[in-house]
N, C-alpha and C. Protein backbone atom coordinates (compact mmCIF):
# COMPACT_ATOMS: atom_id res chain seq x y z
N MET A 1 118.08 116.06 119.65
CA MET A 1 118.06 117.39 120.21
C MET A 1 118.66 117.35 121.61
N VAL A 2 119.45 118.37 121.92
CA VAL A 2 120.06 118.50 123.24
C VAL A 2 119.48 119.74 123.90
N GLU A 3 119.02 119.59 125.13
CA GLU A 3 118.52 120.73 125.88
C GLU A 3 119.48 121.01 127.02
N GLU A 4 119.91 122.26 127.12
CA GLU A 4 120.77 122.66 128.23
C GLU A 4 120.69 124.17 128.40
N ASP A 5 120.98 124.61 129.61
CA ASP A 5 121.02 126.04 129.88
C ASP A 5 122.38 126.58 129.49
N VAL A 6 122.37 127.77 128.88
CA VAL A 6 123.60 128.45 128.53
C VAL A 6 123.55 129.87 129.07
N GLU A 7 124.71 130.44 129.26
CA GLU A 7 124.83 131.83 129.68
C GLU A 7 125.39 132.61 128.49
N ILE A 8 124.71 133.69 128.14
CA ILE A 8 125.15 134.54 127.02
C ILE A 8 125.47 135.91 127.60
N ARG A 9 126.69 136.39 127.31
CA ARG A 9 127.09 137.69 127.86
C ARG A 9 128.13 138.35 126.95
N PRO A 10 128.32 139.67 127.13
CA PRO A 10 129.35 140.37 126.34
C PRO A 10 130.74 139.82 126.67
N SER A 11 131.59 139.73 125.64
CA SER A 11 132.94 139.21 125.86
C SER A 11 133.85 139.58 124.69
N ARG A 12 135.01 140.13 125.00
CA ARG A 12 136.05 140.42 124.00
C ARG A 12 135.53 141.10 122.74
N GLY A 13 134.74 142.13 122.87
CA GLY A 13 134.23 142.85 121.71
C GLY A 13 133.12 142.11 120.98
N GLY A 14 132.56 141.08 121.60
CA GLY A 14 131.49 140.31 121.00
C GLY A 14 130.64 139.70 122.08
N ILE A 15 130.33 138.41 121.94
CA ILE A 15 129.56 137.71 122.97
C ILE A 15 130.19 136.35 123.23
N SER A 16 129.87 135.79 124.40
CA SER A 16 130.24 134.42 124.70
C SER A 16 128.97 133.65 125.03
N ILE A 17 128.97 132.37 124.69
CA ILE A 17 127.88 131.45 125.00
C ILE A 17 128.53 130.28 125.71
N ILE A 18 128.13 130.04 126.97
CA ILE A 18 128.80 129.03 127.80
C ILE A 18 127.77 128.06 128.36
N SER A 19 128.02 126.75 128.21
CA SER A 19 127.17 125.74 128.83
C SER A 19 127.24 125.89 130.34
N LYS A 20 126.08 125.89 131.01
CA LYS A 20 126.05 126.07 132.46
C LYS A 20 125.92 124.76 133.22
N ASP A 21 125.13 123.83 132.73
CA ASP A 21 124.80 122.62 133.48
C ASP A 21 125.61 121.41 133.05
N ASN A 22 126.56 121.58 132.15
CA ASN A 22 127.25 120.45 131.58
C ASN A 22 128.76 120.73 131.52
N PRO A 23 129.44 120.78 132.68
CA PRO A 23 130.84 121.20 132.70
C PRO A 23 131.82 120.24 132.02
N THR A 24 131.44 118.98 131.81
CA THR A 24 132.37 118.04 131.17
C THR A 24 132.08 117.84 129.69
N ASP A 25 130.82 117.82 129.30
CA ASP A 25 130.46 117.59 127.90
C ASP A 25 129.99 118.86 127.19
N GLY A 26 129.95 119.96 127.89
CA GLY A 26 129.46 121.21 127.31
C GLY A 26 130.49 121.88 126.43
N CYS A 27 130.17 123.12 126.06
CA CYS A 27 131.10 123.86 125.21
C CYS A 27 131.04 125.36 125.52
N MET A 28 131.99 126.07 124.97
CA MET A 28 132.06 127.52 125.07
C MET A 28 132.18 128.06 123.66
N ALA A 29 131.47 129.14 123.38
CA ALA A 29 131.51 129.75 122.05
C ALA A 29 131.78 131.24 122.18
N TRP A 30 132.50 131.79 121.21
CA TRP A 30 132.78 133.21 121.16
C TRP A 30 132.37 133.70 119.78
N GLY A 31 131.68 134.82 119.75
CA GLY A 31 131.25 135.35 118.46
C GLY A 31 131.24 136.85 118.44
N ARG A 32 131.08 137.37 117.24
CA ARG A 32 130.94 138.81 117.05
C ARG A 32 129.77 139.05 116.10
N MET A 33 129.30 140.29 116.07
CA MET A 33 128.16 140.64 115.22
C MET A 33 128.63 141.50 114.05
N PRO A 34 129.00 140.87 112.93
CA PRO A 34 129.47 141.65 111.78
C PRO A 34 128.34 142.44 111.13
N LEU A 35 127.12 141.98 111.30
CA LEU A 35 125.91 142.65 110.80
C LEU A 35 124.86 142.61 111.89
N GLU A 36 123.98 143.58 111.91
CA GLU A 36 122.93 143.60 112.91
C GLU A 36 122.07 142.33 112.80
N GLY A 37 121.88 141.67 113.92
CA GLY A 37 121.05 140.47 113.96
C GLY A 37 121.75 139.20 113.52
N LEU A 38 123.06 139.23 113.35
CA LEU A 38 123.80 138.05 112.90
C LEU A 38 125.05 137.88 113.76
N ILE A 39 125.23 136.70 114.34
CA ILE A 39 126.40 136.40 115.15
C ILE A 39 127.19 135.29 114.47
N MET A 40 128.49 135.49 114.31
CA MET A 40 129.34 134.42 113.78
C MET A 40 130.55 134.26 114.68
N GLY A 41 131.00 133.02 114.80
CA GLY A 41 132.13 132.80 115.69
C GLY A 41 132.62 131.36 115.69
N GLU A 42 133.30 131.02 116.78
CA GLU A 42 133.91 129.70 116.96
C GLU A 42 133.45 129.10 118.27
N TRP A 43 133.43 127.78 118.33
CA TRP A 43 133.10 127.08 119.58
C TRP A 43 134.13 125.99 119.83
N ARG A 44 134.23 125.57 121.11
CA ARG A 44 135.14 124.49 121.50
C ARG A 44 134.53 123.75 122.68
N ALA A 45 134.66 122.42 122.65
CA ALA A 45 134.18 121.58 123.75
C ALA A 45 135.03 121.80 124.99
N PHE A 46 134.43 121.63 126.18
CA PHE A 46 135.15 121.78 127.44
C PHE A 46 136.20 120.70 127.67
N ALA A 47 135.94 119.48 127.24
CA ALA A 47 136.82 118.35 127.53
C ALA A 47 138.24 118.64 127.07
N GLU A 48 139.21 118.43 127.95
CA GLU A 48 140.61 118.76 127.66
C GLU A 48 141.17 117.98 126.47
N ASN A 49 140.82 116.73 126.35
CA ASN A 49 141.36 115.88 125.29
C ASN A 49 140.50 115.88 124.04
N SER A 50 139.51 116.72 123.99
CA SER A 50 138.58 116.72 122.87
C SER A 50 139.13 117.53 121.70
N ASP A 51 138.84 117.03 120.51
CA ASP A 51 139.18 117.80 119.31
C ASP A 51 137.90 118.39 118.71
N GLN A 52 136.85 118.43 119.52
CA GLN A 52 135.58 118.94 119.06
C GLN A 52 135.57 120.47 119.09
N ASP A 53 135.53 121.05 117.93
CA ASP A 53 135.43 122.50 117.80
C ASP A 53 134.90 122.81 116.42
N GLY A 54 134.57 124.04 116.20
CA GLY A 54 134.05 124.41 114.90
C GLY A 54 133.63 125.87 114.85
N LEU A 55 132.84 126.17 113.84
CA LEU A 55 132.34 127.52 113.60
C LEU A 55 130.83 127.54 113.79
N PHE A 56 130.27 128.74 113.98
CA PHE A 56 128.81 128.85 114.04
C PHE A 56 128.36 130.16 113.42
N LEU A 57 127.10 130.17 113.01
CA LEU A 57 126.45 131.35 112.44
C LEU A 57 125.02 131.35 112.95
N LEU A 58 124.64 132.39 113.71
CA LEU A 58 123.31 132.48 114.31
C LEU A 58 122.61 133.77 113.91
N SER A 59 121.33 133.67 113.58
CA SER A 59 120.47 134.84 113.40
C SER A 59 119.78 135.12 114.73
N VAL A 60 119.66 136.38 115.08
CA VAL A 60 119.04 136.78 116.34
C VAL A 60 117.63 137.29 116.04
N GLY A 61 116.63 136.80 116.78
CA GLY A 61 115.26 137.26 116.62
C GLY A 61 115.15 138.76 116.90
N VAL A 62 114.15 139.39 116.32
CA VAL A 62 113.98 140.85 116.42
C VAL A 62 113.96 141.33 117.87
N LYS A 63 113.30 140.61 118.76
CA LYS A 63 113.23 141.00 120.17
C LYS A 63 114.37 140.43 121.01
N GLY A 64 115.26 139.65 120.38
CA GLY A 64 116.38 139.05 121.10
C GLY A 64 115.97 137.88 121.97
N ASN A 65 114.77 137.32 121.76
CA ASN A 65 114.29 136.21 122.58
C ASN A 65 114.72 134.84 122.08
N TYR A 66 115.27 134.78 120.88
CA TYR A 66 115.73 133.50 120.35
C TYR A 66 116.82 133.73 119.29
N MET A 67 117.57 132.65 119.02
CA MET A 67 118.58 132.66 117.97
C MET A 67 118.49 131.32 117.25
N TYR A 68 118.85 131.31 115.98
CA TYR A 68 118.82 130.08 115.21
C TYR A 68 119.87 130.14 114.11
N GLY A 69 120.40 128.97 113.78
CA GLY A 69 121.41 128.92 112.73
C GLY A 69 122.08 127.57 112.67
N PHE A 70 123.38 127.59 112.37
CA PHE A 70 124.12 126.36 112.15
C PHE A 70 125.49 126.40 112.82
N PHE A 71 126.02 125.20 113.09
CA PHE A 71 127.39 125.09 113.55
C PHE A 71 128.06 123.96 112.79
N THR A 72 129.38 123.98 112.76
CA THR A 72 130.14 122.91 112.13
C THR A 72 130.85 122.10 113.21
N SER A 73 131.18 120.87 112.86
CA SER A 73 131.88 119.97 113.77
C SER A 73 132.67 118.99 112.91
N PRO A 74 133.77 118.45 113.44
CA PRO A 74 134.48 117.43 112.66
C PRO A 74 133.58 116.23 112.40
N GLY A 75 133.55 115.74 111.16
CA GLY A 75 132.75 114.57 110.82
C GLY A 75 133.41 113.30 111.30
N GLU A 76 132.62 112.25 111.50
CA GLU A 76 133.15 110.98 112.00
C GLU A 76 134.10 110.32 111.00
N THR A 77 133.92 110.56 109.71
CA THR A 77 134.76 109.93 108.69
C THR A 77 135.66 110.96 108.00
N GLY A 78 135.93 112.05 108.70
CA GLY A 78 136.68 113.15 108.10
C GLY A 78 135.68 114.16 107.56
N GLY A 79 136.15 115.23 107.02
CA GLY A 79 135.24 116.24 106.50
C GLY A 79 134.56 117.02 107.61
N VAL A 80 133.49 117.69 107.25
CA VAL A 80 132.79 118.59 108.17
C VAL A 80 131.32 118.20 108.26
N LEU A 81 130.80 118.21 109.48
CA LEU A 81 129.38 117.98 109.74
C LEU A 81 128.74 119.34 109.96
N TYR A 82 127.59 119.59 109.35
CA TYR A 82 126.82 120.82 109.55
C TYR A 82 125.55 120.45 110.32
N ALA A 83 125.26 121.19 111.39
CA ALA A 83 124.09 120.89 112.21
C ALA A 83 123.39 122.18 112.62
N SER A 84 122.11 122.07 112.92
CA SER A 84 121.34 123.26 113.32
C SER A 84 121.52 123.53 114.81
N TRP A 85 121.29 124.79 115.18
CA TRP A 85 121.41 125.24 116.56
C TRP A 85 120.29 126.23 116.82
N VAL A 86 119.44 125.95 117.80
CA VAL A 86 118.32 126.81 118.15
C VAL A 86 118.41 127.11 119.64
N LEU A 87 118.34 128.40 119.99
CA LEU A 87 118.40 128.84 121.39
C LEU A 87 117.21 129.76 121.67
N ALA A 88 116.71 129.73 122.91
CA ALA A 88 115.62 130.61 123.31
C ALA A 88 115.87 131.13 124.71
N LYS A 89 115.47 132.36 124.94
CA LYS A 89 115.63 133.02 126.24
C LYS A 89 114.62 132.44 127.22
N LYS A 90 115.10 132.02 128.41
CA LYS A 90 114.21 131.45 129.43
C LYS A 90 113.55 132.52 130.28
N SER A 91 114.26 133.61 130.54
CA SER A 91 113.71 134.63 131.43
C SER A 91 112.62 135.43 130.72
N GLY A 92 111.73 136.01 131.51
CA GLY A 92 110.67 136.85 130.95
C GLY A 92 109.48 136.06 130.43
N GLY A 93 109.34 134.83 130.89
CA GLY A 93 108.20 134.02 130.45
C GLY A 93 108.16 132.69 131.18
N ASP A 94 107.03 132.01 131.04
CA ASP A 94 106.88 130.70 131.66
C ASP A 94 107.32 129.61 130.68
N GLU A 95 107.10 128.35 131.05
CA GLU A 95 107.52 127.21 130.22
C GLU A 95 106.84 127.24 128.85
N ALA A 96 105.57 127.63 128.82
CA ALA A 96 104.84 127.70 127.54
C ALA A 96 105.46 128.76 126.63
N GLU A 97 105.85 129.89 127.20
CA GLU A 97 106.48 130.95 126.40
C GLU A 97 107.83 130.49 125.87
N LEU A 98 108.59 129.78 126.69
CA LEU A 98 109.87 129.23 126.25
C LEU A 98 109.67 128.29 125.06
N MET A 99 108.70 127.40 125.16
CA MET A 99 108.42 126.47 124.07
C MET A 99 107.99 127.21 122.80
N ASN A 100 107.20 128.28 122.95
CA ASN A 100 106.80 129.09 121.80
C ASN A 100 108.01 129.74 121.13
N ARG A 101 108.94 130.23 121.93
CA ARG A 101 110.15 130.84 121.38
C ARG A 101 110.98 129.81 120.61
N LEU A 102 111.13 128.62 121.19
CA LEU A 102 111.89 127.56 120.52
C LEU A 102 111.22 127.15 119.21
N LYS A 103 109.90 127.00 119.23
CA LYS A 103 109.17 126.63 118.02
C LYS A 103 109.29 127.70 116.94
N LYS A 104 109.21 128.96 117.35
CA LYS A 104 109.33 130.08 116.40
C LYS A 104 110.72 130.07 115.75
N ALA A 105 111.76 129.90 116.57
CA ALA A 105 113.12 129.88 116.05
C ALA A 105 113.32 128.69 115.11
N GLN A 106 112.82 127.51 115.49
CA GLN A 106 112.95 126.33 114.64
C GLN A 106 112.21 126.54 113.32
N SER A 107 111.03 127.12 113.39
CA SER A 107 110.25 127.39 112.18
C SER A 107 110.98 128.36 111.24
N LEU A 108 111.54 129.43 111.81
CA LEU A 108 112.29 130.38 110.99
C LEU A 108 113.52 129.73 110.37
N LEU A 109 114.20 128.89 111.13
CA LEU A 109 115.36 128.18 110.60
C LEU A 109 114.96 127.32 109.40
N GLU A 110 113.87 126.59 109.54
CA GLU A 110 113.41 125.72 108.46
C GLU A 110 112.96 126.53 107.24
N ARG A 111 112.27 127.64 107.47
CA ARG A 111 111.76 128.45 106.35
C ARG A 111 112.84 129.22 105.62
N THR A 112 113.95 129.51 106.30
CA THR A 112 114.98 130.34 105.68
C THR A 112 116.22 129.56 105.25
N THR A 113 116.14 128.23 105.33
CA THR A 113 117.26 127.38 104.93
C THR A 113 116.95 126.72 103.60
N ILE A 114 117.91 126.74 102.70
CA ILE A 114 117.74 126.06 101.43
C ILE A 114 117.86 124.57 101.67
N GLY A 115 116.88 123.82 101.23
CA GLY A 115 116.87 122.39 101.46
C GLY A 115 117.74 121.63 100.48
N PHE A 116 118.14 120.45 100.87
CA PHE A 116 118.91 119.58 100.01
C PHE A 116 118.07 118.34 99.73
N SER A 117 118.18 117.82 98.53
CA SER A 117 117.38 116.66 98.16
C SER A 117 117.86 115.38 98.80
N GLY A 118 119.10 115.37 99.26
CA GLY A 118 119.66 114.16 99.84
C GLY A 118 120.25 113.25 98.77
N GLN A 119 120.11 113.60 97.51
CA GLN A 119 120.65 112.79 96.42
C GLN A 119 122.14 113.05 96.29
N ARG A 120 122.90 111.98 96.17
CA ARG A 120 124.35 112.11 96.00
C ARG A 120 124.66 112.65 94.61
N PRO A 121 125.69 113.50 94.48
CA PRO A 121 126.04 114.06 93.19
C PRO A 121 126.44 113.01 92.15
N ASP A 122 126.98 111.86 92.64
CA ASP A 122 127.42 110.83 91.70
C ASP A 122 126.35 109.80 91.38
N ALA A 123 125.14 110.00 91.92
CA ALA A 123 124.06 109.04 91.71
C ALA A 123 123.38 109.25 90.35
């Protein structure tokens, strides 16, 4: 798990999500809301020589205090890696409230994601 502060704001007819505390290893994402409560878009790493980029899909909590979903990234052996992404709003609460928001988003992500058995198709 990676913890970092991000800034989320309106941008180009959608939203942008920008790493604040990690200018060399962070990333910037741009998305739009094709449906209420759902953000989809693209992200790219800040590093100039990086080929790290991908797509993302986030669900927004009813009160807008958290988001959860998935992003893609180039896999180490080719192909695509799929990973989870959980964000929570820091303002409007103390550290305990922030942790509650993160736990709620993680729980919703787990409950609404179809699980995989981990068994290979050729096994």
